[in-house]
Structures are given as structure tokens and as C-alpha cells.
C-alpha atoms as a PDB file:
ATOM      1  CA  MET A   1      92.491 117.264 107.329  1.00  0.00           C
ATOM      2  CA  ASP A   2      91.266 113.959 105.881  1.00  0.00           C
ATOM      3  CA  TRP A   3      93.205 111.874 103.357  1.00  0.00           C
ATOM      4  CA  PHE A   4      91.098 113.029 100.383  1.00  0.00           C
ATOM      5  CA  ALA A   5      91.833 116.662 101.177  1.00  0.00           C
ATOM      6  CA  ARG A   6      95.542 115.861 101.465  1.00  0.00           C
ATOM      7  CA  VAL A   7      95.604 114.051  98.123  1.00  0.00           C
ATOM      8  CA  THR A   8      93.663 116.848  96.447  1.00  0.00           C
ATOM      9  CA  ARG A   9      95.966 119.428  97.995  1.00  0.00           C
ATOM     10  CA  ALA A  10      99.029 117.448  96.901  1.00  0.00           C
ATOM     11  CA  ARG A  11      97.658 117.231  93.354  1.00  0.00           C
ATOM     12  CA  ASN A  12      97.050 120.967  93.313  1.00  0.00           C
ATOM     13  CA  ASP A  13     100.521 121.650  94.739  1.00  0.00           C
ATOM     14  CA  ASP A  14     102.090 119.422  92.064  1.00  0.00           C
ATOM     15  CA  ALA A  15     100.254 121.345  89.362  1.00  0.00           C
ATOM     16  CA  ALA A  16     101.567 124.577  90.890  1.00  0.00           C
ATOM     17  CA  GLY A  17     105.120 123.275  91.133  1.00  0.00           C
ATOM     18  CA  GLY A  18     104.917 122.125  94.771  1.00  0.00           C
ATOM     19  CA  GLY A  19     104.660 118.469  95.694  1.00  0.00           C
ATOM     20  CA  PHE A  20     106.187 118.163  99.141  1.00  0.00           C
ATOM     21  CA  GLU A  21     103.692 115.420 100.076  1.00  0.00           C
ATOM     22  CA  LEU A  22     104.863 113.276  97.158  1.00  0.00           C
ATOM     23  CA  ASP A  23     108.462 113.813  98.210  1.00  0.00           C
ATOM     24  CA  ALA A  24     107.553 112.596 101.699  1.00  0.00           C
ATOM     25  CA  VAL A  25     105.832 109.503 100.285  1.00  0.00           C
ATOM     26  CA  LYS A  26     108.829 108.766  98.069  1.00  0.00           C
ATOM     27  CA  ALA A  27     111.148 109.081 101.073  1.00  0.00           C
ATOM     28  CA  ARG A  28     109.050 106.684 103.165  1.00  0.00           C
ATOM     29  CA  ALA A  29     108.888 104.218 100.272  1.00  0.00           C
ATOM     30  CA  ALA A  30     112.665 104.383  99.840  1.00  0.00           C
ATOM     31  CA  LYS A  31     113.098 103.761 103.559  1.00  0.00           C
ATOM     32  CA  ALA A  32     110.837 100.698 103.193  1.00  0.00           C
ATOM     33  CA  GLY A  33     112.917  99.598 100.184  1.00  0.00           C
ATOM     34  CA  MET A  34     110.204  99.681  97.530  1.00  0.00           C
ATOM     35  CA  PRO A  35     109.021 101.842  94.617  1.00  0.00           C
ATOM     36  CA  TYR A  36     106.672 104.585  95.748  1.00  0.00           C
ATOM     37  CA  GLN A  37     103.866 103.368  93.471  1.00  0.00           C
ATOM     38  CA  ARG A  38     103.865 100.007  95.271  1.00  0.00           C
ATOM     39  CA  PHE A  39     104.035 101.784  98.638  1.00  0.00           C
ATOM     40  CA  ILE A  40     100.966 103.862  97.729  1.00  0.00           C
ATOM     41  CA  ARG A  41      99.093 100.801  96.416  1.00  0.00           C
ATOM     42  CA  GLN A  42      99.766  98.873  99.628  1.00  0.00           C
ATOM     43  CA  ALA A  43      98.605 101.817 101.732  1.00  0.00           C
ATOM     44  CA  LEU A  44      95.385 102.085  99.725  1.00  0.00           C
ATOM     45  CA  GLU A  45      94.771  98.331  99.884  1.00  0.00           C
ATOM     46  CA  ALA A  46      95.271  98.377 103.661  1.00  0.00           C
ATOM     47  CA  ALA A  47      92.881 101.330 103.976  1.00  0.00           C
ATOM     48  CA  VAL A  48      90.009  99.573 102.186  1.00  0.00           C
ATOM     49  CA  GLN A  49      90.392  96.171 103.883  1.00  0.00           C
ATOM     50  CA  PRO A  50      87.440  95.230 106.058  1.00  0.00           C
ATOM     51  CA  ARG A  51      88.340  95.589 109.710  1.00  0.00           C
ATOM     52  CA  LYS A  52      88.487  92.431 111.775  1.00  0.00           C
ATOM     53  CA  ARG A  53      86.046  92.300 114.652  1.00  0.00           C
ATOM     54  CA  ALA A  54      87.508  91.542 118.031  1.00  0.00           C
END
């Protein structure tokens, strides 16, 4: 499952009272010692960075 499908599924689960993906993101952010919004932003920024050529 690609990331877009996971985000869409998480959004749908949240609307239905689920949201286990968000809980997992919050746990990883807490482990990294930062707010989950910043954790998500950093992950998105890293995902859209141009890849360095070797």
C-alpha cells in the first residue's frame, strides 16, 4: 500500500473513530522528542527532497 492510500485510510479511520496510524505517528514523534506535527512535516520534507546522484 502506498503512502497516499495509508493517509487516506487513516483519515477515513479517524472519521470513523479509528486512527491507529495517527497513534503510531504520535508514538514515534514522542520517541524522537518532538511534536507529531513537526515529525510529520520533517517526514514530508524529506520525501520531496531531490535525491542526490551518486
